Protein backbone atom coordinates (compact mmCIF):
# COMPACT_ATOMS: atom_id res chain seq x y z
CA UNK A 1 -21.19 -35.99 -25.54
CA UNK A 2 -23.28 -39.06 -23.59
CA UNK A 3 -26.31 -39.40 -22.30
CA UNK A 4 -25.29 -38.57 -19.25
CA UNK A 5 -27.60 -36.02 -17.09
CA UNK A 6 -24.20 -34.36 -15.58
CA UNK A 7 -22.36 -34.30 -18.86
CA UNK A 8 -25.23 -32.66 -20.70
CA UNK A 9 -25.91 -30.19 -17.37
CA UNK A 10 -21.81 -29.01 -17.57
CA UNK A 11 -21.70 -28.61 -21.07
CA UNK A 12 -20.67 -25.04 -21.90
CA UNK A 13 -22.98 -23.05 -24.28
CA UNK A 14 -21.71 -21.74 -27.06
CA UNK A 15 -21.10 -18.14 -27.36
CA UNK A 16 -23.39 -15.94 -29.62
CA UNK A 17 -21.77 -14.70 -32.85
CA UNK A 18 -22.13 -11.17 -34.09
CA UNK A 19 -23.10 -10.27 -37.72
CA UNK A 20 -19.84 -9.74 -39.03
CA UNK A 21 -18.69 -13.27 -38.01
CA UNK A 22 -16.43 -12.43 -35.47
CA UNK A 23 -17.30 -12.98 -31.31
CA UNK A 24 -19.36 -10.21 -30.41
CA UNK A 25 -16.83 -9.83 -26.81
CA UNK A 26 -18.45 -7.46 -24.73
CA UNK A 27 -15.36 -8.02 -22.19
CA UNK A 28 -12.35 -7.28 -24.56
CA UNK A 29 -11.30 -4.42 -22.93
CA UNK A 30 -11.29 -6.30 -19.73
CA UNK A 31 -9.19 -9.26 -21.19
CA UNK A 32 -6.81 -6.34 -22.43
CA UNK A 33 -6.19 -4.85 -18.86
CA UNK A 34 -6.46 -8.42 -17.02
CA UNK A 35 -4.77 -10.62 -19.58
CA UNK A 36 -2.07 -8.11 -21.08
CA UNK A 37 -1.63 -4.70 -18.13
CA UNK A 38 -2.44 -6.54 -15.20
CA UNK A 39 0.46 -9.68 -15.15
CA UNK A 40 2.81 -7.12 -16.02
CA UNK A 41 1.87 -4.55 -13.43
CA UNK A 42 1.52 -7.59 -10.65
CA UNK A 43 4.65 -9.43 -11.60
CA UNK A 44 7.02 -6.50 -11.09
CA UNK A 45 4.94 -5.23 -8.23
CA UNK A 46 5.61 -8.56 -6.21
CA UNK A 47 9.30 -8.34 -6.70
CA UNK A 48 9.11 -4.64 -5.44
CA UNK A 49 7.01 -5.17 -2.75
CA UNK A 50 9.17 -8.41 -1.20
CA UNK A 51 12.40 -5.93 -2.01
CA UNK A 52 10.89 -3.34 0.56
CA UNK A 53 9.61 -6.53 2.98
CA UNK A 54 13.31 -7.35 3.27
CA UNK A 55 14.54 -3.60 2.90
CA UNK A 56 12.13 -2.39 6.30
CA UNK A 57 12.47 -5.28 8.43
CA UNK A 58 16.32 -4.93 8.47
CA UNK A 59 17.69 -4.13 11.93
CA UNK A 60 19.52 -1.05 10.35
CA UNK A 61 15.80 0.07 9.24
CA UNK A 62 14.39 -0.67 12.79
CA UNK A 63 11.64 2.61 13.62
CA UNK A 64 7.88 2.51 13.86
CA UNK A 65 7.07 4.04 10.49
CA UNK A 66 9.44 1.66 8.79
CA UNK A 67 7.78 -1.09 10.82
CA UNK A 68 4.61 0.26 9.32
CA UNK A 69 5.85 0.51 5.58
CA UNK A 70 7.28 -3.06 6.00
CA UNK A 71 3.28 -4.35 6.79
CA UNK A 72 2.27 -2.44 3.93
CA UNK A 73 4.10 -3.52 1.50
CA UNK A 74 3.40 -7.29 2.65
CA UNK A 75 -0.31 -6.46 2.45
CA UNK A 76 0.32 -5.34 -0.73
CA UNK A 77 2.68 -8.02 -1.86
CA UNK A 78 -0.38 -10.38 -1.13
CA UNK A 79 -2.96 -8.13 -2.62
CA UNK A 80 -0.58 -7.89 -5.91
CA UNK A 81 -0.05 -12.26 -5.62
CA UNK A 82 -3.62 -12.72 -5.22
CA UNK A 83 -4.51 -10.20 -8.44
CA UNK A 84 -2.13 -12.09 -10.86
CA UNK A 85 -3.88 -15.51 -9.53
CA UNK A 86 -7.41 -13.86 -9.91
CA UNK A 87 -8.13 -11.41 -13.05
CA UNK A 88 -5.45 -12.90 -15.89
CA UNK A 89 -7.25 -16.53 -15.60
CA UNK A 90 -10.97 -14.74 -14.71
CA UNK A 91 -10.42 -13.12 -17.78
CA UNK A 92 -9.12 -16.17 -20.02
CA UNK A 93 -11.75 -17.95 -18.39
CA UNK A 94 -14.53 -15.87 -19.53
CA UNK A 95 -13.39 -15.86 -23.20
CA UNK A 96 -12.68 -19.38 -23.39
CA UNK A 97 -15.52 -20.56 -20.49
CA UNK A 98 -13.88 -23.75 -20.05
CA UNK A 99 -10.29 -25.51 -20.05
CA UNK A 100 -7.67 -26.06 -17.67
CA UNK A 101 -7.48 -21.98 -16.73
CA UNK A 102 -10.89 -22.28 -15.53
CA UNK A 103 -10.87 -25.30 -13.56
CA UNK A 104 -7.23 -23.05 -11.87
CA UNK A 105 -9.41 -20.21 -11.23
CA UNK A 106 -12.72 -22.22 -10.25
CA UNK A 107 -10.74 -23.82 -7.71
CA UNK A 108 -8.12 -21.15 -6.60
CA UNK A 109 -10.93 -18.43 -6.43
CA UNK A 110 -12.04 -20.11 -3.14
CA UNK A 111 -8.89 -18.98 -1.32
CA UNK A 112 -7.59 -15.71 -3.41
CA UNK A 113 -10.77 -14.27 -3.26
CA UNK A 114 -11.39 -13.38 0.75
CA UNK A 115 -7.41 -13.50 1.02
CA UNK A 116 -7.45 -10.41 -1.82
CA UNK A 117 -10.27 -8.76 0.06
CA UNK A 118 -8.09 -9.03 3.57
CA UNK A 119 -5.27 -7.75 2.03
CA UNK A 120 -7.18 -4.90 0.95
CA UNK A 121 -8.45 -4.19 4.27
CA UNK A 122 -5.38 -4.14 5.70
CA UNK A 123 -3.85 -1.89 3.59
CA UNK A 124 -6.07 0.76 4.03
CA UNK A 125 -6.07 0.56 7.56
CA UNK A 126 -2.00 0.45 7.13
CA UNK A 127 -2.30 3.41 5.72
CA UNK A 128 -4.08 5.07 8.59
CA UNK A 129 -1.75 3.98 11.13
CA UNK A 130 1.07 5.48 9.10
CA UNK A 131 -1.02 8.66 9.06
CA UNK A 132 -1.35 8.66 12.74
CA UNK A 133 2.25 7.42 13.22
CA UNK A 134 3.75 10.98 11.57
CA UNK A 135 1.14 13.42 13.23
CA UNK A 136 2.10 12.09 16.61
CA UNK A 137 5.95 12.45 15.39
CA UNK A 138 4.78 16.01 14.18
CA UNK A 139 2.71 17.10 16.58
CA UNK A 140 4.64 15.59 19.73
CA UNK A 141 8.15 15.11 19.30
CA UNK A 142 8.86 15.17 22.66
CA UNK A 143 6.78 12.15 23.28
CA UNK A 144 7.57 10.31 20.09
CA UNK A 145 10.35 7.81 21.02
CA UNK A 146 7.87 7.09 24.19
CA UNK A 147 4.62 6.67 21.58
CA UNK A 148 5.56 5.84 18.14
CA UNK A 149 8.19 2.83 19.17
CA UNK A 150 9.18 -0.31 16.52
CA UNK A 151 7.17 -2.60 19.44
CA UNK A 152 3.95 -0.58 19.27
CA UNK A 153 4.22 -0.54 15.35
CA UNK A 154 4.28 -4.25 15.59
CA UNK A 155 1.48 -4.89 17.57
CA UNK A 156 -0.67 -2.11 15.91
CA UNK A 157 0.08 -3.70 12.38
CA UNK A 158 -0.64 -7.31 13.92
CA UNK A 159 -4.41 -6.10 15.10
CA UNK A 160 -4.94 -4.74 12.24
CA UNK A 161 -4.27 -8.07 10.04
CA UNK A 162 -6.21 -10.16 12.48
CA UNK A 163 -8.98 -7.86 12.71
CA UNK A 164 -8.82 -7.81 8.64
CA UNK A 165 -8.43 -11.38 8.56
CA UNK A 166 -12.28 -11.80 10.74
CA UNK A 167 -13.60 -9.08 9.31
CA UNK A 168 -13.55 -10.91 5.52
CA UNK A 169 -14.38 -14.29 6.93
CA UNK A 170 -17.52 -14.20 5.55
CA UNK A 171 -16.41 -13.89 2.26
CA UNK A 172 -14.93 -17.25 2.37
CA UNK A 173 -18.85 -18.39 2.11
CA UNK A 174 -20.13 -16.43 -0.51
CA UNK A 175 -19.14 -18.99 -3.20
CA UNK A 176 -18.32 -22.41 -3.82
CA UNK A 177 -18.32 -24.91 -6.88
CA UNK A 178 -21.16 -26.78 -8.17
CA UNK A 179 -21.69 -30.33 -9.22
CA UNK A 180 -19.71 -29.47 -12.60
CA UNK A 181 -17.05 -27.64 -10.32
CA UNK A 182 -17.82 -24.27 -11.95
CA UNK A 183 -17.68 -21.20 -9.50
CA UNK A 184 -21.14 -20.32 -8.58
CA UNK A 185 -22.49 -17.74 -5.44
CA UNK A 186 -24.10 -18.61 -2.83
CA UNK A 187 -27.10 -18.50 -0.65
CA UNK A 188 -25.26 -16.01 1.66
CA UNK A 189 -23.99 -14.10 -1.71
CA UNK A 190 -27.73 -13.89 -3.06
CA UNK A 191 -28.86 -12.57 0.64
CA UNK A 192 -30.05 -9.05 -0.08
CA UNK A 193 -29.84 -7.67 3.45
CA UNK A 194 -26.36 -9.60 3.53
CA UNK A 195 -25.50 -7.37 0.27
CA UNK A 196 -26.61 -3.99 1.73
CA UNK A 197 -25.39 -4.38 5.25
CA UNK A 198 -21.87 -5.99 4.76
CA UNK A 199 -20.90 -5.61 1.65
CA UNK A 200 -22.28 -2.24 0.64
CA UNK A 201 -22.50 -0.26 3.68
CA UNK A 202 -19.68 -2.03 5.66
CA UNK A 203 -17.58 -1.51 2.54
CA UNK A 204 -18.40 2.27 2.24
CA UNK A 205 -17.67 3.44 5.68
CA UNK A 206 -14.93 0.74 6.82
CA UNK A 207 -12.79 1.10 3.74
CA UNK A 208 -13.66 4.90 2.83
CA UNK A 209 -15.36 7.15 4.55
CA UNK A 210 -13.80 6.49 8.34
CA UNK A 211 -10.27 5.47 7.07
CA UNK A 212 -10.16 7.87 4.28
CA UNK A 213 -11.48 10.99 6.68
CA UNK A 214 -8.83 10.27 9.15
CA UNK A 215 -5.77 10.12 6.49
CA UNK A 216 -6.90 13.52 4.73
CA UNK A 217 -7.95 14.96 8.21
CA UNK A 218 -4.61 14.17 9.47
CA UNK A 219 -2.63 14.98 6.76
CA UNK A 220 -3.67 18.34 6.42
CA UNK A 221 -2.74 19.05 9.93
CA UNK A 222 0.71 17.27 9.49
CA UNK A 223 1.22 19.23 6.12
CA UNK A 224 0.92 22.73 7.76
CA UNK A 225 3.28 21.62 10.72
CA UNK A 226 5.82 20.44 7.98
CA UNK A 227 5.61 23.83 6.84
CA UNK A 228 6.12 25.50 9.49
CA UNK A 229 8.50 23.45 10.66
CA UNK A 230 10.62 23.87 7.43
CA UNK A 231 10.35 27.78 8.44
CA UNK A 232 11.49 27.48 11.56
CA UNK A 233 14.74 25.55 10.47
CA UNK A 234 15.05 28.60 8.12
CA UNK A 235 14.76 30.71 11.07
CA UNK A 236 17.06 28.95 12.84
CA UNK A 237 19.78 28.82 10.14
CA UNK A 238 19.53 32.84 9.85
CA UNK A 239 19.87 33.68 13.71
CA UNK A 240 22.95 30.67 13.89
CA UNK A 241 24.81 32.40 11.78
CA UNK A 242 24.40 35.56 13.26
CA UNK A 243 25.62 34.36 16.69
CA UNK A 244 28.73 32.02 15.20
CA UNK A 245 31.09 33.08 18.27
CA UNK A 246 28.98 31.41 20.81
CA UNK A 247 29.47 27.57 20.18
CA UNK A 248 27.49 25.78 22.95
CA UNK A 249 23.85 27.63 20.89
CA UNK A 250 25.67 27.00 17.61
CA UNK A 251 25.78 23.23 18.36
CA UNK A 252 22.69 23.24 19.96
CA UNK A 253 20.62 24.54 16.92
CA UNK A 254 22.86 22.25 14.57
CA UNK A 255 21.48 18.86 16.76
CA UNK A 256 17.62 20.48 16.34
CA UNK A 257 18.05 21.52 12.74
CA UNK A 258 19.57 17.82 12.01
CA UNK A 259 16.32 16.46 14.20
CA UNK A 260 13.55 18.66 12.82
CA UNK A 261 15.81 17.97 8.74
CA UNK A 262 15.11 13.95 9.76
CA UNK A 263 11.50 14.11 10.98
CA UNK A 264 10.19 16.24 8.15
CA UNK A 265 11.45 14.02 5.40
CA UNK A 266 10.06 10.80 6.78
CA UNK A 267 6.92 12.97 7.11
CA UNK A 268 7.06 14.21 3.61
CA UNK A 269 7.43 10.90 1.97
CA UNK A 270 4.80 9.71 3.82
CA UNK A 271 2.26 12.10 3.01
CA UNK A 272 3.25 11.44 -0.99
CA UNK A 273 2.41 8.11 -0.39
CA UNK A 274 -0.84 8.28 1.24
CA UNK A 275 -1.78 11.37 -1.15
CA UNK A 276 -0.96 8.18 -4.05
CA UNK A 277 -2.74 6.10 -2.32
CA UNK A 278 -5.60 7.96 -1.88
CA UNK A 279 -5.49 9.19 -5.67
CA UNK A 280 -4.72 5.37 -7.30
CA UNK A 281 -7.75 3.95 -5.25
CA UNK A 282 -10.18 6.76 -6.05
CA UNK A 283 -11.70 5.20 -9.34
CA UNK A 284 -11.86 2.01 -7.46
CA UNK A 285 -13.96 3.79 -4.29
CA UNK A 286 -16.35 5.43 -6.71
CA UNK A 287 -16.81 2.35 -8.23
CA UNK A 288 -18.16 0.56 -5.23
CA UNK A 289 -20.45 3.74 -5.04
CA UNK A 290 -22.21 3.41 -8.56
CA UNK A 291 -22.60 -0.32 -8.08
CA UNK A 292 -24.57 0.54 -4.99
CA UNK A 293 -26.83 3.30 -5.30
CA UNK A 294 -27.18 3.84 -8.78
CA UNK A 295 -29.17 2.53 -11.80
CA UNK A 296 -26.72 2.96 -14.57
CA UNK A 297 -23.81 0.73 -13.24
CA UNK A 298 -23.77 -1.44 -16.39
CA UNK A 299 -22.80 1.72 -18.22
CA UNK A 300 -19.08 2.62 -19.05
CA UNK A 301 -17.94 -0.61 -17.20
CA UNK A 302 -14.46 -0.08 -18.73
CA UNK A 303 -14.20 1.81 -15.34
CA UNK A 304 -13.73 -1.13 -13.43
CA UNK A 305 -10.81 -2.97 -14.81
CA UNK A 306 -9.37 0.21 -15.05
CA UNK A 307 -9.62 0.96 -11.32
CA UNK A 308 -8.43 -2.55 -10.35
CA UNK A 309 -5.55 -2.00 -12.46
CA UNK A 310 -5.03 1.61 -10.64
CA UNK A 311 -5.40 -0.20 -7.09
CA UNK A 312 -2.30 -2.61 -8.16
CA UNK A 313 -0.42 0.28 -10.03
CA UNK A 314 -0.32 2.02 -6.74
CA UNK A 315 0.60 -1.15 -4.91
CA UNK A 316 3.45 -1.68 -7.25
CA UNK A 317 4.40 1.85 -7.55
CA UNK A 318 5.77 2.41 -3.74
CA UNK A 319 9.00 1.44 -3.87
CA UNK A 320 9.44 4.44 -6.39
CA UNK A 321 8.28 6.74 -3.67
CA UNK A 322 10.75 4.71 -1.17
CA UNK A 323 13.42 5.50 -3.52
CA UNK A 324 12.53 8.73 -4.07
CA UNK A 325 12.82 10.12 -0.59
CA UNK A 326 14.70 7.56 1.41
CA UNK A 327 18.07 7.78 0.71
CA UNK A 328 19.01 5.20 3.60
CA UNK A 329 16.25 3.06 1.43
CA UNK A 330 18.13 3.01 -1.88
CA UNK A 331 21.57 2.45 0.41
CA UNK A 332 19.68 -0.76 1.60
CA UNK A 333 18.37 -1.87 -1.47
CA UNK A 334 21.68 -1.51 -3.46
CA UNK A 335 23.23 -3.53 -0.23
CA UNK A 336 21.30 -5.94 -1.01
CA UNK A 337 20.82 -6.58 -4.62
CA UNK A 338 24.28 -4.60 -5.74
CA UNK A 339 26.68 -4.66 -2.92
CA UNK A 340 29.60 -4.20 -5.76
CA UNK A 341 28.32 -0.70 -6.04
CA UNK A 342 28.89 0.42 -3.03
CA UNK A 343 32.03 0.36 -3.60
CA UNK A 344 32.25 2.94 -6.12
CA UNK A 345 30.92 5.93 -3.55
CA UNK A 346 28.02 6.87 -5.15
CA UNK A 347 26.71 9.84 -3.39
CA UNK A 348 22.51 9.18 -3.74
CA UNK A 349 23.48 5.96 -2.51
CA UNK A 350 24.65 7.40 1.14
CA UNK A 351 22.23 7.16 3.88
CA UNK A 352 20.64 10.13 4.77
CA UNK A 353 21.56 10.13 8.42
CA UNK A 354 24.20 11.50 10.92
CA UNK A 355 27.29 10.13 10.48
CA UNK A 356 29.20 8.97 13.41
CA UNK A 357 32.22 11.35 12.74
CA UNK A 358 29.47 14.21 12.60
CA UNK A 359 27.78 13.02 15.84
CA UNK A 360 31.89 12.92 17.55
CA UNK A 361 32.60 16.09 16.20
CA UNK A 362 29.20 17.53 17.54
CA UNK A 363 30.19 15.82 20.95
CA UNK A 364 33.91 17.03 20.96
CA UNK A 365 32.34 20.69 20.96
CA UNK A 366 30.45 20.13 23.13
CA UNK A 367 33.03 18.99 25.92
CA UNK A 368 35.36 22.08 24.96
CA UNK A 369 32.35 24.32 25.49
CA UNK A 370 31.90 22.86 29.00
CA UNK A 371 35.19 22.81 29.88
CA UNK A 372 35.71 26.67 29.09
CA UNK A 373 32.83 27.29 30.81
CA UNK A 374 33.70 26.04 33.98
């Protein structure tokens, strides 16, 4: 150590020792989650989210819902990548307090921190957009092709991305590097009025209360509508059996049944995805409420890394929901990653849509019916 004032000021204080001659580490659980579980979840999720973006942006998958899912996957990709660059280095830096890892974390956090906040905000409001899209598709099926178009979905996603970026732009000025190159909070971050209005109430209203209320209310309405649609399909199937001699009515019922089944299937997938989003993000939302409005935010602090891990698990696991409920999604994934499997004719890989032969058969029956009744 030299006598230079800067070097002395930048020296790292020794960590306190416990009575058992071992490091007294209050961040042990944080380290296990951030340095152990988080890299595995985020690395896997980055690959899964990238696959989802590729699949949902294919021309064969073009629809308003798939555009929103592509946008959500892109924001999940950003969130998982930023989490991978933030939490593991931060955990290692808290234990060592110096070194190349700390230098990497301090410098990259100036960018990764605000980008992660913007990606989180965009993910929340993309889920709201998906909820509204499914609400319009189920409640107003006749106007679905007019209101729920890929072009309008892309416009909405662009607005969400731009607004989220500008809304989280002040977070760029919350942290800075000191003369030693360490990450420190700025005066803005320490401003009480800024913390209360922007960080606390802004987060609670714009990322929890308003979007979650919209999603819960609209999802309840959609669930009831989907339930009624399934009952309607069952009644149509029973009535169709009674009028098998009337070809025209049978063809009409068949076409309505196919369309209703397709809308319901996509809506059920969206409902499951939104429900898991709320469940996995619930603890993180509660943590922000506890930190803002209670004096016991130091108790049970392990809830913070667990909440952050659950957020990443949610972003990484969406591909499982898409694969379970979307046979067409599975077909596109296999065609991109393992095209050789398509030639083996697995039924579970076939897309859930009306095949060309079925459409031709329906049209042929309609022409025969019109010819016989002229």
